[in-house]
Amino acid sequence: MALGEWGEAVAVAWLLRNRYRVIRRNYRANRGGEVDVVARHKPTSTLCFIEVKTRKSDRYGRPALAVDREKEALIVRGAMSWLRLLDMPDVAFRFDIIEVIASEPPEISMIEDAFHLPPDIFY
């Protein structure tokens, strides 16, 4: 199993233990865009579009640093596609990042509301 796949599996297990319902993994939109994990946070019913970043260590910085503007745009496109499928424009949603460091045991941290929609996005 590749490091990224392993990290995603670790992140999903963490989400399930922390009151999230995982709806979909590796969502790919027809016109581009991707989301690693789509989940609902059970206490709030917030829809979460989650990017998982896995690294062997944080020697070169935190994994979340790899989520640049270009990556954010891919995630936003995937999320907007998902929301159009739902046809529920008023649903509460956010963009999160889960960092996984492949140590023993794995180090997992979640950044809620890691970034927001650009102001010129309509769905």
PDB file of N, CA and C in Angstrom:
ATOM      1  N   MET A   1       0.852  -1.176   0.000  1.00  0.00           N
ATOM      2  CA  MET A   1       0.000   0.000   0.000  1.00  0.00           C
ATOM      3  C   MET A   1       0.898   1.239   0.000  1.00  0.00           C
ATOM      4  N   ALA A   2       0.578   2.187  -0.862  1.00  0.00           N
ATOM      5  CA  ALA A   2       1.341   3.431  -0.945  1.00  0.00           C
ATOM      6  C   ALA A   2       1.115   4.276   0.301  1.00  0.00           C
ATOM      7  N   LEU A   3       2.065   5.143   0.592  1.00  0.00           N
ATOM      8  CA  LEU A   3       1.996   5.988   1.786  1.00  0.00           C
ATOM      9  C   LEU A   3       0.713   6.815   1.824  1.00  0.00           C
ATOM     10  N   GLY A   4       0.339   7.406   0.703  1.00  0.00           N
ATOM     11  CA  GLY A   4      -0.876   8.222   0.658  1.00  0.00           C
ATOM     12  C   GLY A   4      -2.136   7.422   0.942  1.00  0.00           C
ATOM     13  N   GLU A   5      -2.222   6.226   0.376  1.00  0.00           N
ATOM     14  CA  GLU A   5      -3.384   5.357   0.626  1.00  0.00           C
ATOM     15  C   GLU A   5      -3.441   4.954   2.093  1.00  0.00           C
ATOM     16  N   TRP A   6      -2.273   4.628   2.656  1.00  0.00           N
ATOM     17  CA  TRP A   6      -2.211   4.258   4.072  1.00  0.00           C
ATOM     18  C   TRP A   6      -2.664   5.432   4.943  1.00  0.00           C
ATOM     19  N   GLY A   7      -2.167   6.618   4.636  1.00  0.00           N
ATOM     20  CA  GLY A   7      -2.544   7.800   5.406  1.00  0.00           C
ATOM     21  C   GLY A   7      -4.025   8.093   5.330  1.00  0.00           C
ATOM     22  N   GLU A   8      -4.596   7.897   4.156  1.00  0.00           N
ATOM     23  CA  GLU A   8      -6.031   8.112   4.001  1.00  0.00           C
ATOM     24  C   GLU A   8      -6.822   7.105   4.837  1.00  0.00           C
ATOM     25  N   ALA A   9      -6.390   5.849   4.858  1.00  0.00           N
ATOM     26  CA  ALA A   9      -7.058   4.836   5.683  1.00  0.00           C
ATOM     27  C   ALA A   9      -6.959   5.185   7.167  1.00  0.00           C
ATOM     28  N   VAL A  10      -5.801   5.658   7.593  1.00  0.00           N
ATOM     29  CA  VAL A  10      -5.614   6.093   8.988  1.00  0.00           C
ATOM     30  C   VAL A  10      -6.541   7.265   9.298  1.00  0.00           C
ATOM     31  N   ALA A  11      -6.626   8.221   8.376  1.00  0.00           N
ATOM     32  CA  ALA A  11      -7.481   9.393   8.576  1.00  0.00           C
ATOM     33  C   ALA A  11      -8.954   8.996   8.666  1.00  0.00           C
ATOM     34  N   VAL A  12      -9.394   8.084   7.814  1.00  0.00           N
ATOM     35  CA  VAL A  12     -10.789   7.644   7.843  1.00  0.00           C
ATOM     36  C   VAL A  12     -11.099   6.947   9.163  1.00  0.00           C
ATOM     37  N   ALA A  13     -10.199   6.102   9.629  1.00  0.00           N
ATOM     38  CA  ALA A  13     -10.404   5.444  10.926  1.00  0.00           C
ATOM     39  C   ALA A  13     -10.508   6.479  12.041  1.00  0.00           C
ATOM     40  N   TRP A  14      -9.671   7.504  11.973  1.00  0.00           N
ATOM     41  CA  TRP A  14      -9.701   8.582  12.978  1.00  0.00           C
ATOM     42  C   TRP A  14     -11.035   9.313  12.916  1.00  0.00           C
ATOM     43  N   LEU A  15     -11.514   9.619  11.718  1.00  0.00           N
ATOM     44  CA  LEU A  15     -12.798  10.308  11.563  1.00  0.00           C
ATOM     45  C   LEU A  15     -13.930   9.493  12.181  1.00  0.00           C
ATOM     46  N   LEU A  16     -13.952   8.201  11.909  1.00  0.00           N
ATOM     47  CA  LEU A  16     -15.012   7.345  12.437  1.00  0.00           C
ATOM     48  C   LEU A  16     -14.996   7.307  13.962  1.00  0.00           C
ATOM     49  N   ARG A  17     -13.805   7.337  14.558  1.00  0.00           N
ATOM     50  CA  ARG A  17     -13.693   7.353  16.025  1.00  0.00           C
ATOM     51  C   ARG A  17     -14.079   8.708  16.618  1.00  0.00           C
ATOM     52  N   ASN A  18     -14.125   9.743  15.797  1.00  0.00           N
ATOM     53  CA  ASN A  18     -14.353  11.098  16.295  1.00  0.00           C
ATOM     54  C   ASN A  18     -15.650  11.714  15.777  1.00  0.00           C
ATOM     55  N   ARG A  19     -16.668  10.886  15.663  1.00  0.00           N
ATOM     56  CA  ARG A  19     -18.030  11.325  15.382  1.00  0.00           C
ATOM     57  C   ARG A  19     -18.237  11.923  14.000  1.00  0.00           C
ATOM     58  N   TYR A  20     -17.603  11.332  13.026  1.00  0.00           N
ATOM     59  CA  TYR A  20     -17.833  11.683  11.630  1.00  0.00           C
ATOM     60  C   TYR A  20     -18.432  10.478  10.931  1.00  0.00           C
ATOM     61  N   ARG A  21     -19.289  10.739   9.974  1.00  0.00           N
ATOM     62  CA  ARG A  21     -19.809   9.681   9.110  1.00  0.00           C
ATOM     63  C   ARG A  21     -19.175   9.887   7.739  1.00  0.00           C
ATOM     64  N   VAL A  22     -18.387   8.944   7.315  1.00  0.00           N
ATOM     65  CA  VAL A  22     -17.719   9.034   6.026  1.00  0.00           C
ATOM     66  C   VAL A  22     -18.721   8.651   4.937  1.00  0.00           C
ATOM     67  N   ILE A  23     -18.913   9.570   4.002  1.00  0.00           N
ATOM     68  CA  ILE A  23     -19.882   9.374   2.929  1.00  0.00           C
ATOM     69  C   ILE A  23     -19.207   8.837   1.670  1.00  0.00           C
ATOM     70  N   ARG A  24     -18.033   9.374   1.375  1.00  0.00           N
ATOM     71  CA  ARG A  24     -17.344   8.989   0.139  1.00  0.00           C
ATOM     72  C   ARG A  24     -15.853   9.231   0.278  1.00  0.00           C
ATOM     73  N   ARG A  25     -15.089   8.360  -0.334  1.00  0.00           N
ATOM     74  CA  ARG A  25     -13.633   8.539  -0.423  1.00  0.00           C
ATOM     75  C   ARG A  25     -13.264   8.730  -1.886  1.00  0.00           C
ATOM     76  N   ASN A  26     -12.276   9.572  -2.109  1.00  0.00           N
ATOM     77  CA  ASN A  26     -11.729   9.791  -3.453  1.00  0.00           C
ATOM     78  C   ASN A  26     -12.791  10.186  -4.477  1.00  0.00           C
ATOM     79  N   TYR A  27     -13.537  11.226  -4.159  1.00  0.00           N
ATOM     80  CA  TYR A  27     -14.540  11.737  -5.096  1.00  0.00           C
ATOM     81  C   TYR A  27     -13.836  12.525  -6.194  1.00  0.00           C
ATOM     82  N   ARG A  28     -14.149  12.187  -7.443  1.00  0.00           N
ATOM     83  CA  ARG A  28     -13.597  12.877  -8.606  1.00  0.00           C
ATOM     84  C   ARG A  28     -14.750  13.467  -9.396  1.00  0.00           C
ATOM     85  N   ALA A  29     -14.731  14.763  -9.603  1.00  0.00           N
ATOM     86  CA  ALA A  29     -15.784  15.445 -10.351  1.00  0.00           C
ATOM     87  C   ALA A  29     -15.569  15.253 -11.851  1.00  0.00           C
ATOM     88  N   ASN A  30     -16.655  15.286 -12.598  1.00  0.00           N
ATOM     89  CA  ASN A  30     -16.586  15.094 -14.049  1.00  0.00           C
ATOM     90  C   ASN A  30     -15.718  16.135 -14.742  1.00  0.00           C
ATOM     91  N   ARG A  31     -15.789  17.384 -14.318  1.00  0.00           N
ATOM     92  CA  ARG A  31     -15.048  18.465 -14.980  1.00  0.00           C
ATOM     93  C   ARG A  31     -13.794  18.860 -14.215  1.00  0.00           C
ATOM     94  N   GLY A  32     -13.203  17.912 -13.560  1.00  0.00           N
ATOM     95  CA  GLY A  32     -12.021  18.212 -12.755  1.00  0.00           C
ATOM     96  C   GLY A  32     -12.430  18.500 -11.322  1.00  0.00           C
ATOM     97  N   GLY A  33     -11.519  18.370 -10.462  1.00  0.00           N
ATOM     98  CA  GLY A  33     -11.804  18.559  -9.049  1.00  0.00           C
ATOM     99  C   GLY A  33     -11.768  17.232  -8.325  1.00  0.00           C
ATOM    100  N   GLU A  34     -11.325  17.279  -7.092  1.00  0.00           N
ATOM    101  CA  GLU A  34     -11.204  16.039  -6.327  1.00  0.00           C
ATOM    102  C   GLU A  34     -11.270  16.340  -4.836  1.00  0.00           C
ATOM    103  N   VAL A  35     -11.829  15.382  -4.119  1.00  0.00           N
ATOM    104  CA  VAL A  35     -11.914  15.465  -2.666  1.00  0.00           C
ATOM    105  C   VAL A  35     -11.519  14.103  -2.119  1.00  0.00           C
ATOM    106  N   ASP A  36     -10.558  14.077  -1.197  1.00  0.00           N
ATOM    107  CA  ASP A  36     -10.117  12.803  -0.622  1.00  0.00           C
ATOM    108  C   ASP A  36     -11.221  12.133   0.178  1.00  0.00           C
ATOM    109  N   VAL A  37     -11.873  12.899   1.056  1.00  0.00           N
ATOM    110  CA  VAL A  37     -12.925  12.339   1.913  1.00  0.00           C
ATOM    111  C   VAL A  37     -14.062  13.350   2.019  1.00  0.00           C
ATOM    112  N   VAL A  38     -15.281  12.865   1.814  1.00  0.00           N
ATOM    113  CA  VAL A  38     -16.481  13.654   2.084  1.00  0.00           C
ATOM    114  C   VAL A  38     -17.112  13.007   3.309  1.00  0.00           C
ATOM    115  N   ALA A  39     -17.363  13.819   4.333  1.00  0.00           N
ATOM    116  CA  ALA A  39     -17.899  13.277   5.589  1.00  0.00           C
ATOM    117  C   ALA A  39     -18.856  14.272   6.217  1.00  0.00           C
ATOM    118  N   ARG A  40     -19.680  13.756   7.117  1.00  0.00           N
ATOM    119  CA  ARG A  40     -20.548  14.620   7.929  1.00  0.00           C
ATOM    120  C   ARG A  40     -20.072  14.563   9.366  1.00  0.00           C
ATOM    121  N   HIS A  41     -19.953  15.729   9.954  1.00  0.00           N
ATOM    122  CA  HIS A  41     -19.626  15.811  11.375  1.00  0.00           C
ATOM    123  C   HIS A  41     -20.938  15.610  12.119  1.00  0.00           C
ATOM    124  N   LYS A  42     -21.073  14.489  12.822  1.00  0.00           N
ATOM    125  CA  LYS A  42     -22.362  14.094  13.402  1.00  0.00           C
ATOM    126  C   LYS A  42     -22.981  15.129  14.344  1.00  0.00           C
ATOM    127  N   PRO A  43     -22.215  15.739  15.259  1.00  0.00           N
ATOM    128  CA  PRO A  43     -22.887  16.676  16.177  1.00  0.00           C
ATOM    129  C   PRO A  43     -23.497  17.886  15.476  1.00  0.00           C
ATOM    130  N   THR A  44     -22.885  18.358  14.405  1.00  0.00           N
ATOM    131  CA  THR A  44     -23.344  19.592  13.764  1.00  0.00           C
ATOM    132  C   THR A  44     -24.006  19.365  12.414  1.00  0.00           C
ATOM    133  N   SER A  45     -23.901  18.190  11.850  1.00  0.00           N
ATOM    134  CA  SER A  45     -24.382  17.858  10.504  1.00  0.00           C
ATOM    135  C   SER A  45     -23.663  18.636   9.413  1.00  0.00           C
ATOM    136  N   THR A  46     -22.538  19.252   9.740  1.00  0.00           N
ATOM    137  CA  THR A  46     -21.753  19.977   8.744  1.00  0.00           C
ATOM    138  C   THR A  46     -21.136  18.994   7.764  1.00  0.00           C
ATOM    139  N   LEU A  47     -21.237  19.305   6.493  1.00  0.00           N
ATOM    140  CA  LEU A  47     -20.616  18.513   5.451  1.00  0.00           C
ATOM    141  C   LEU A  47     -19.154  18.955   5.348  1.00  0.00           C
ATOM    142  N   CYS A  48     -18.240  17.997   5.426  1.00  0.00           N
ATOM    143  CA  CYS A  48     -16.809  18.302   5.432  1.00  0.00           C
ATOM    144  C   CYS A  48     -16.146  17.731   4.191  1.00  0.00           C
ATOM    145  N   PHE A  49     -15.444  18.597   3.482  1.00  0.00           N
ATOM    146  CA  PHE A  49     -14.636  18.194   2.341  1.00  0.00           C
ATOM    147  C   PHE A  49     -13.201  18.171   2.844  1.00  0.00           C
ATOM    148  N   ILE A  50     -12.625  16.981   2.913  1.00  0.00           N
ATOM    149  CA  ILE A  50     -11.373  16.794   3.639  1.00  0.00           C
ATOM    150  C   ILE A  50     -10.252  16.375   2.706  1.00  0.00           C
ATOM    151  N   GLU A  51      -9.148  17.096   2.803  1.00  0.00           N
ATOM    152  CA  GLU A  51      -7.911  16.733   2.105  1.00  0.00           C
ATOM    153  C   GLU A  51      -7.005  16.048   3.111  1.00  0.00           C
ATOM    154  N   VAL A  52      -6.469  14.886   2.760  1.00  0.00           N
ATOM    155  CA  VAL A  52      -5.566  14.148   3.639  1.00  0.00           C
ATOM    156  C   VAL A  52      -4.151  14.283   3.084  1.00  0.00           C
ATOM    157  N   LYS A  53      -3.236  14.734   3.915  1.00  0.00           N
ATOM    158  CA  LYS A  53      -1.834  14.848   3.527  1.00  0.00           C
ATOM    159  C   LYS A  53      -1.003  13.989   4.474  1.00  0.00           C
ATOM    160  N   THR A  54      -0.226  13.083   3.903  1.00  0.00           N
ATOM    161  CA  THR A  54       0.566  12.141   4.685  1.00  0.00           C
ATOM    162  C   THR A  54       2.038  12.331   4.366  1.00  0.00           C
ATOM    163  N   ARG A  55       2.850  12.315   5.398  1.00  0.00           N
ATOM    164  CA  ARG A  55       4.298  12.418   5.235  1.00  0.00           C
ATOM    165  C   ARG A  55       4.967  11.430   6.179  1.00  0.00           C
ATOM    166  N   LYS A  56       6.200  11.047   5.841  1.00  0.00           N
ATOM    167  CA  LYS A  56       6.966  10.153   6.712  1.00  0.00           C
ATOM    168  C   LYS A  56       7.396  10.864   7.979  1.00  0.00           C
ATOM    169  N   SER A  57       7.635  12.178   7.869  1.00  0.00           N
ATOM    170  CA  SER A  57       8.008  12.985   9.038  1.00  0.00           C
ATOM    171  C   SER A  57       7.643  14.429   8.737  1.00  0.00           C
ATOM    172  N   ASP A  58       7.801  15.278   9.733  1.00  0.00           N
ATOM    173  CA  ASP A  58       7.566  16.702   9.493  1.00  0.00           C
ATOM    174  C   ASP A  58       8.895  17.459   9.361  1.00  0.00           C
ATOM    175  N   ARG A  59       9.919  16.730   9.017  1.00  0.00           N
ATOM    176  CA  ARG A  59      11.268  17.303   8.887  1.00  0.00           C
ATOM    177  C   ARG A  59      11.301  18.503   7.940  1.00  0.00           C
ATOM    178  N   TYR A  60      10.510  18.436   6.881  1.00  0.00           N
ATOM    179  CA  TYR A  60      10.488  19.516   5.889  1.00  0.00           C
ATOM    180  C   TYR A  60       9.240  20.386   6.001  1.00  0.00           C
ATOM    181  N   GLY A  61       8.590  20.345   7.146  1.00  0.00           N
ATOM    182  CA  GLY A  61       7.381  21.133   7.365  1.00  0.00           C
ATOM    183  C   GLY A  61       6.161  20.248   7.532  1.00  0.00           C
ATOM    184  N   ARG A  62       5.113  20.863   7.995  1.00  0.00           N
ATOM    185  CA  ARG A  62       3.861  20.151   8.222  1.00  0.00           C
ATOM    186  C   ARG A  62       3.243  19.735   6.892  1.00  0.00           C
ATOM    187  N   PRO A  63       2.557  18.597   6.859  1.00  0.00           N
ATOM    188  CA  PRO A  63       1.933  18.133   5.616  1.00  0.00           C
ATOM    189  C   PRO A  63       0.966  19.144   4.994  1.00  0.00           C
ATOM    190  N   ALA A  64       0.255  19.895   5.823  1.00  0.00           N
ATOM    191  CA  ALA A  64      -0.731  20.853   5.306  1.00  0.00           C
ATOM    192  C   ALA A  64      -0.099  21.921   4.422  1.00  0.00           C
ATOM    193  N   LEU A  65       1.182  22.144   4.566  1.00  0.00           N
ATOM    194  CA  LEU A  65       1.853  23.137   3.723  1.00  0.00           C
ATOM    195  C   LEU A  65       1.807  22.764   2.243  1.00  0.00           C
ATOM    196  N   ALA A  66       1.561  21.498   1.953  1.00  0.00           N
ATOM    197  CA  ALA A  66       1.467  21.043   0.562  1.00  0.00           C
ATOM    198  C   ALA A  66       0.137  21.426  -0.087  1.00  0.00           C
ATOM    199  N   VAL A  67      -0.797  21.917   0.704  1.00  0.00           N
ATOM    200  CA  VAL A  67      -2.085  22.343   0.146  1.00  0.00           C
ATOM    201  C   VAL A  67      -1.962  23.816  -0.233  1.00  0.00           C
ATOM    202  N   ASP A  68      -1.574  24.024  -1.482  1.00  0.00           N
ATOM    203  CA  ASP A  68      -1.397  25.384  -1.992  1.00  0.00           C
ATOM    204  C   ASP A  68      -2.686  25.849  -2.682  1.00  0.00           C
ATOM    205  N   ARG A  69      -2.660  27.025  -3.264  1.00  0.00           N
ATOM    206  CA  ARG A  69      -3.852  27.588  -3.926  1.00  0.00           C
ATOM    207  C   ARG A  69      -4.360  26.685  -5.060  1.00  0.00           C
ATOM    208  N   GLU A  70      -3.440  26.096  -5.791  1.00  0.00           N
ATOM    209  CA  GLU A  70      -3.831  25.206  -6.883  1.00  0.00           C
ATOM    210  C   GLU A  70      -4.574  23.981  -6.351  1.00  0.00           C
ATOM    211  N   LYS A  71      -4.071  23.391  -5.276  1.00  0.00           N
ATOM    212  CA  LYS A  71      -4.718  22.228  -4.672  1.00  0.00           C
ATOM    213  C   LYS A  71      -6.067  22.628  -4.082  1.00  0.00           C
ATOM    214  N   GLU A  72      -6.116  23.793  -3.428  1.00  0.00           N
ATOM    215  CA  GLU A  72      -7.389  24.286  -2.898  1.00  0.00           C
ATOM    216  C   GLU A  72      -8.425  24.404  -4.010  1.00  0.00           C
ATOM    217  N   ALA A  73      -8.003  24.920  -5.174  1.00  0.00           N
ATOM    218  CA  ALA A  73      -8.930  25.083  -6.294  1.00  0.00           C
ATOM    219  C   ALA A  73      -9.485  23.731  -6.756  1.00  0.00           C
ATOM    220  N   LEU A  74      -8.645  22.690  -6.780  1.00  0.00           N
ATOM    221  CA  LEU A  74      -9.122  21.347  -7.144  1.00  0.00           C
ATOM    222  C   LEU A  74     -10.161  20.834  -6.143  1.00  0.00           C
ATOM    223  N   ILE A  75      -9.889  21.062  -4.877  1.00  0.00           N
ATOM    224  CA  ILE A  75     -10.810  20.613  -3.823  1.00  0.00           C
ATOM    225  C   ILE A  75     -12.125  21.382  -3.917  1.00  0.00           C
ATOM    226  N   VAL A  76     -12.042  22.684  -4.125  1.00  0.00           N
ATOM    227  CA  VAL A  76     -13.249  23.507  -4.257  1.00  0.00           C
ATOM    228  C   VAL A  76     -14.077  23.042  -5.451  1.00  0.00           C
ATOM    229  N   ARG A  77     -13.437  22.776  -6.594  1.00  0.00           N
ATOM    230  CA  ARG A  77     -14.180  22.289  -7.768  1.00  0.00           C
ATOM    231  C   ARG A  77     -14.885  20.966  -7.457  1.00  0.00           C
ATOM    232  N   GLY A  78     -14.192  20.076  -6.763  1.00  0.00           N
ATOM    233  CA  GLY A  78     -14.819  18.814  -6.370  1.00  0.00           C
ATOM    234  C   GLY A  78     -15.984  19.028  -5.431  1.00  0.00           C
ATOM    235  N   ALA A  79     -15.803  19.915  -4.468  1.00  0.00           N
ATOM    236  CA  ALA A  79     -16.869  20.201  -3.501  1.00  0.00           C
ATOM    237  C   ALA A  79     -18.085  20.826  -4.183  1.00  0.00           C
ATOM    238  N   MET A  80     -17.846  21.760  -5.092  1.00  0.00           N
ATOM    239  CA  MET A  80     -18.958  22.413  -5.789  1.00  0.00           C
ATOM    240  C   MET A  80     -19.730  21.398  -6.632  1.00  0.00           C
ATOM    241  N   SER A  81     -19.023  20.461  -7.233  1.00  0.00           N
ATOM    242  CA  SER A  81     -19.672  19.396  -7.987  1.00  0.00           C
ATOM    243  C   SER A  81     -20.547  18.560  -7.054  1.00  0.00           C
ATOM    244  N   TRP A  82     -20.016  18.210  -5.900  1.00  0.00           N
ATOM    245  CA  TRP A  82     -20.771  17.415  -4.924  1.00  0.00           C
ATOM    246  C   TRP A  82     -22.031  18.158  -4.491  1.00  0.00           C
ATOM    247  N   LEU A  83     -21.885  19.453  -4.196  1.00  0.00           N
ATOM    248  CA  LEU A  83     -23.027  20.245  -3.737  1.00  0.00           C
ATOM    249  C   LEU A  83     -24.092  20.378  -4.830  1.00  0.00           C
ATOM    250  N   ARG A  84     -23.674  20.488  -6.087  1.00  0.00           N
ATOM    251  CA  ARG A  84     -24.651  20.529  -7.179  1.00  0.00           C
ATOM    252  C   ARG A  84     -25.422  19.215  -7.254  1.00  0.00           C
ATOM    253  N   LEU A  85     -24.740  18.092  -7.019  1.00  0.00           N
ATOM    254  CA  LEU A  85     -25.425  16.794  -7.015  1.00  0.00           C
ATOM    255  C   LEU A  85     -26.482  16.725  -5.912  1.00  0.00           C
ATOM    256  N   LEU A  86     -26.175  17.341  -4.774  1.00  0.00           N
ATOM    257  CA  LEU A  86     -27.115  17.350  -3.648  1.00  0.00           C
ATOM    258  C   LEU A  86     -28.308  18.249  -3.904  1.00  0.00           C
ATOM    259  N   ASP A  87     -28.104  19.276  -4.731  1.00  0.00           N
ATOM    260  CA  ASP A  87     -29.131  20.286  -4.971  1.00  0.00           C
ATOM    261  C   ASP A  87     -29.634  20.874  -3.655  1.00  0.00           C
ATOM    262  N   MET A  88     -28.695  21.108  -2.742  1.00  0.00           N
ATOM    263  CA  MET A  88     -29.006  21.687  -1.426  1.00  0.00           C
ATOM    264  C   MET A  88     -28.064  22.873  -1.176  1.00  0.00           C
ATOM    265  N   PRO A  89     -28.342  24.015  -1.787  1.00  0.00           N
ATOM    266  CA  PRO A  89     -27.403  25.134  -1.682  1.00  0.00           C
ATOM    267  C   PRO A  89     -27.234  25.692  -0.268  1.00  0.00           C
ATOM    268  N   ASP A  90     -28.148  25.406   0.629  1.00  0.00           N
ATOM    269  CA  ASP A  90     -28.057  25.963   1.979  1.00  0.00           C
ATOM    270  C   ASP A  90     -27.374  25.043   2.985  1.00  0.00           C
ATOM    271  N   VAL A  91     -26.827  23.926   2.527  1.00  0.00           N
ATOM    272  CA  VAL A  91     -26.181  22.988   3.444  1.00  0.00           C
ATOM    273  C   VAL A  91     -24.904  23.623   4.014  1.00  0.00           C
ATOM    274  N   ALA A  92     -24.693  23.435   5.301  1.00  0.00           N
ATOM    275  CA  ALA A  92     -23.464  23.947   5.937  1.00  0.00           C
ATOM    276  C   ALA A  92     -22.300  23.045   5.552  1.00  0.00           C
ATOM    277  N   PHE A  93     -21.208  23.651   5.110  1.00  0.00           N
ATOM    278  CA  PHE A  93     -20.045  22.851   4.738  1.00  0.00           C
ATOM    279  C   PHE A  93     -18.768  23.611   5.067  1.00  0.00           C
ATOM    280  N   ARG A  94     -17.671  22.853   5.078  1.00  0.00           N
ATOM    281  CA  ARG A  94     -16.360  23.457   5.336  1.00  0.00           C
ATOM    282  C   ARG A  94     -15.286  22.612   4.663  1.00  0.00           C
ATOM    283  N   PHE A  95     -14.087  23.202   4.592  1.00  0.00           N
ATOM    284  CA  PHE A  95     -12.930  22.537   4.011  1.00  0.00           C
ATOM    285  C   PHE A  95     -11.922  22.270   5.125  1.00  0.00           C
ATOM    286  N   ASP A  96     -11.577  21.004   5.316  1.00  0.00           N
ATOM    287  CA  ASP A  96     -10.648  20.600   6.366  1.00  0.00           C
ATOM    288  C   ASP A  96      -9.429  19.918   5.760  1.00  0.00           C
ATOM    289  N   ILE A  97      -8.366  19.891   6.526  1.00  0.00           N
ATOM    290  CA  ILE A  97      -7.171  19.129   6.161  1.00  0.00           C
ATOM    291  C   ILE A  97      -6.837  18.213   7.325  1.00  0.00           C
ATOM    292  N   ILE A  98      -6.572  16.951   7.023  1.00  0.00           N
ATOM    293  CA  ILE A  98      -6.059  16.029   8.036  1.00  0.00           C
ATOM    294  C   ILE A  98      -4.607  15.735   7.683  1.00  0.00           C
ATOM    295  N   GLU A  99      -3.735  15.964   8.656  1.00  0.00           N
ATOM    296  CA  GLU A  99      -2.311  15.661   8.507  1.00  0.00           C
ATOM    297  C   GLU A  99      -2.029  14.331   9.187  1.00  0.00           C
ATOM    298  N   VAL A 100      -1.303  13.472   8.483  1.00  0.00           N
ATOM    299  CA  VAL A 100      -0.896  12.187   9.055  1.00  0.00           C
ATOM    300  C   VAL A 100       0.619  12.089   8.927  1.00  0.00           C
ATOM    301  N   ILE A 101       1.281  11.908  10.058  1.00  0.00           N
ATOM    302  CA  ILE A 101       2.719  11.659  10.090  1.00  0.00           C
ATOM    303  C   ILE A 101       2.891  10.177  10.384  1.00  0.00           C
ATOM    304  N   ALA A 102       3.623   9.487   9.515  1.00  0.00           N
ATOM    305  CA  ALA A 102       3.773   8.033   9.611  1.00  0.00           C
ATOM    306  C   ALA A 102       4.791   7.651  10.669  1.00  0.00           C
ATOM    307  N   SER A 103       4.446   7.915  11.913  1.00  0.00           N
ATOM    308  CA  SER A 103       5.277   7.493  13.040  1.00  0.00           C
ATOM    309  C   SER A 103       4.578   6.313  13.701  1.00  0.00           C
ATOM    310  N   GLU A 104       5.115   5.841  14.780  1.00  0.00           N
ATOM    311  CA  GLU A 104       4.503   4.721  15.502  1.00  0.00           C
ATOM    312  C   GLU A 104       4.184   5.154  16.911  1.00  0.00           C
ATOM    313  N   PRO A 105       2.951   5.388  17.283  1.00  0.00           N
ATOM    314  CA  PRO A 105       1.757   5.349  16.445  1.00  0.00           C
ATOM    315  C   PRO A 105       1.691   6.577  15.532  1.00  0.00           C
ATOM    316  N   PRO A 106       0.832   6.538  14.511  1.00  0.00           N
ATOM    317  CA  PRO A 106       0.727   7.682  13.602  1.00  0.00           C
ATOM    318  C   PRO A 106       0.293   8.945  14.349  1.00  0.00           C
ATOM    319  N   GLU A 107       0.840  10.067  13.924  1.00  0.00           N
ATOM    320  CA  GLU A 107       0.451  11.358  14.475  1.00  0.00           C
ATOM    321  C   GLU A 107      -0.602  11.940  13.540  1.00  0.00           C
ATOM    322  N   ILE A 108      -1.773  12.252  14.091  1.00  0.00           N
ATOM    323  CA  ILE A 108      -2.894  12.734  13.292  1.00  0.00           C
ATOM    324  C   ILE A 108      -3.356  14.073  13.849  1.00  0.00           C
ATOM    325  N   SER A 109      -3.505  15.042  12.967  1.00  0.00           N
ATOM    326  CA  SER A 109      -4.074  16.316  13.391  1.00  0.00           C
ATOM    327  C   SER A 109      -5.035  16.804  12.315  1.00  0.00           C
ATOM    328  N   MET A 110      -6.094  17.455  12.778  1.00  0.00           N
ATOM    329  CA  MET A 110      -7.103  17.957  11.853  1.00  0.00           C
ATOM    330  C   MET A 110      -7.154  19.471  11.942  1.00  0.00           C
ATOM    331  N   ILE A 111      -7.153  20.093  10.776  1.00  0.00           N
ATOM    332  CA  ILE A 111      -7.297  21.545  10.696  1.00  0.00           C
ATOM    333  C   ILE A 111      -8.690  21.800  10.135  1.00  0.00           C
ATOM    334  N   GLU A 112      -9.611  22.202  11.006  1.00  0.00           N
ATOM    335  CA  GLU A 112     -10.970  22.503  10.573  1.00  0.00           C
ATOM    336  C   GLU A 112     -10.996  23.889   9.936  1.00  0.00           C
ATOM    337  N   ASP A 113     -11.829  24.040   8.920  1.00  0.00           N
ATOM    338  CA  ASP A 113     -11.923  25.326   8.213  1.00  0.00           C
ATOM    339  C   ASP A 113     -10.553  25.795   7.745  1.00  0.00           C
ATOM    340  N   ALA A 114      -9.804  24.891   7.136  1.00  0.00           N
ATOM    341  CA  ALA A 114      -8.436  25.186   6.717  1.00  0.00           C
ATOM    342  C   ALA A 114      -8.380  26.278   5.651  1.00  0.00           C
ATOM    343  N   PHE A 115      -9.412  26.352   4.823  1.00  0.00           N
ATOM    344  CA  PHE A 115      -9.513  27.421   3.838  1.00  0.00           C
ATOM    345  C   PHE A 115     -10.986  27.606   3.498  1.00  0.00           C
ATOM    346  N   HIS A 116     -11.283  28.655   2.772  1.00  0.00           N
ATOM    347  CA  HIS A 116     -12.681  28.989   2.476  1.00  0.00           C
ATOM    348  C   HIS A 116     -12.882  29.169   0.976  1.00  0.00           C
ATOM    349  N   LEU A 117     -14.140  29.242   0.591  1.00  0.00           N
ATOM    350  CA  LEU A 117     -14.468  29.475  -0.812  1.00  0.00           C
ATOM    351  C   LEU A 117     -13.956  30.843  -1.244  1.00  0.00           C
ATOM    352  N   PRO A 118     -13.414  30.919  -2.429  1.00  0.00           N
ATOM    353  CA  PRO A 118     -13.095  32.244  -2.970  1.00  0.00           C
ATOM    354  C   PRO A 118     -14.393  33.037  -3.138  1.00  0.00           C
ATOM    355  N   PRO A 119     -14.350  34.341  -3.017  1.00  0.00           N
ATOM    356  CA  PRO A 119     -15.585  35.141  -3.061  1.00  0.00           C
ATOM    357  C   PRO A 119     -16.320  35.111  -4.403  1.00  0.00           C
ATOM    358  N   ASP A 120     -15.645  34.721  -5.475  1.00  0.00           N
ATOM    359  CA  ASP A 120     -16.272  34.742  -6.799  1.00  0.00           C
ATOM    360  C   ASP A 120     -16.834  33.377  -7.220  1.00  0.00           C
ATOM    361  N   ILE A 121     -16.962  32.440  -6.299  1.00  0.00           N
ATOM    362  CA  ILE A 121     -17.471  31.094  -6.609  1.00  0.00           C
ATOM    363  C   ILE A 121     -18.976  31.054  -6.415  1.00  0.00           C
ATOM    364  N   PHE A 122     -19.660  30.524  -7.436  1.00  0.00           N
ATOM    365  CA  PHE A 122     -21.101  30.296  -7.348  1.00  0.00           C
ATOM    366  C   PHE A 122     -21.348  28.823  -7.651  1.00  0.00           C
ATOM    367  N   TYR A 123     -22.267  28.254  -6.954  1.00  0.00           N
ATOM    368  CA  TYR A 123     -22.631  26.873  -7.239  1.00  0.00           C
ATOM    369  C   TYR A 123     -24.110  26.770  -7.289  1.00  0.00           C
TER     370      TYR A 123
END
